[in-house]
Protein backbone atom coordinates (compact mmCIF):
# COMPACT_ATOMS: atom_id res chain seq x y z
CA MET A 1 -68.52 7.80 15.85
CA THR A 2 -65.96 6.99 13.18
CA ALA A 3 -62.23 7.37 13.42
CA ALA A 4 -60.61 10.41 11.86
CA PRO A 5 -59.05 9.75 8.44
CA ALA A 6 -55.31 9.32 8.23
CA PHE A 7 -53.32 12.50 7.81
CA PRO A 8 -53.49 13.16 4.03
CA LEU A 9 -49.93 14.42 3.76
CA ALA A 10 -48.21 11.57 5.58
CA GLY A 11 -44.89 10.84 3.89
CA VAL A 12 -44.62 14.29 2.30
CA VAL A 13 -41.59 16.47 3.06
CA ALA A 14 -41.35 20.13 2.08
CA VAL A 15 -37.85 21.44 1.37
CA VAL A 16 -37.21 25.16 1.56
CA GLY A 17 -33.72 26.53 1.80
CA SER A 18 -31.06 28.99 0.93
CA ARG A 19 -29.93 29.79 -2.58
CA HIS A 20 -26.38 29.51 -1.29
CA GLY A 21 -26.74 26.39 0.83
CA SER A 22 -24.91 23.13 0.28
CA PRO A 23 -26.99 21.09 -2.17
CA TYR A 24 -25.29 17.72 -1.62
CA PRO A 25 -26.80 16.73 1.76
CA VAL A 26 -30.23 18.02 0.69
CA ALA A 27 -30.07 15.98 -2.52
CA GLN A 28 -29.19 12.84 -0.56
CA PHE A 29 -32.05 13.49 1.88
CA ALA A 30 -34.59 14.04 -0.93
CA ALA A 31 -33.50 10.88 -2.73
CA ALA A 32 -33.80 8.90 0.52
CA VAL A 33 -37.33 10.23 1.13
CA VAL A 34 -38.43 9.10 -2.34
CA ALA A 35 -36.67 5.74 -1.96
CA ALA A 36 -38.65 5.20 1.24
CA GLY A 37 -41.92 5.85 -0.60
CA GLY A 38 -42.37 9.49 0.35
CA SER A 39 -42.77 12.64 -1.70
CA VAL A 40 -40.71 15.82 -1.80
CA VAL A 41 -42.30 19.22 -2.41
CA THR A 42 -40.19 22.28 -3.23
CA GLY A 43 -40.65 25.73 -4.68
CA CYS A 44 -38.05 24.86 -7.34
CA ALA A 45 -36.05 28.00 -6.61
CA ARG A 46 -32.31 28.06 -7.17
CA GLY A 47 -30.02 26.40 -4.67
CA VAL A 48 -31.35 23.95 -2.10
CA ASP A 49 -34.88 23.79 -3.57
CA HIS A 50 -33.53 22.91 -6.99
CA ALA A 51 -31.15 20.28 -5.59
CA ALA A 52 -34.00 18.61 -3.69
CA ALA A 53 -36.39 18.67 -6.66
CA THR A 54 -33.82 17.31 -9.08
CA ALA A 55 -32.67 14.52 -6.74
CA ALA A 56 -36.24 13.52 -5.88
CA ALA A 57 -37.18 13.39 -9.55
CA ALA A 58 -34.10 11.34 -10.41
CA ALA A 59 -34.80 8.90 -7.58
CA ALA A 60 -38.38 8.50 -8.83
CA GLY A 61 -37.22 8.03 -12.41
CA VAL A 62 -38.95 11.13 -13.76
CA ALA A 63 -37.81 14.45 -15.15
CA PRO A 64 -38.17 17.54 -12.95
CA LEU A 65 -40.91 20.01 -13.95
CA ARG A 66 -39.92 23.57 -14.67
CA LEU A 67 -42.55 26.30 -14.87
């Protein structure tokens, strides 16, 4: 019997929030996740999602994707 593979989404954080939430702490959190080698996934909606996506992209040195 072989060991189960590592969890494929280890290090991935999903951010979902309010359109009227405070973006500053979320942006700091997202940047810290990326700096630690993780990934941030958002729906890119206005408010908290946008703050997290933009901060994560900036911390990774890439431009955020807009669809």
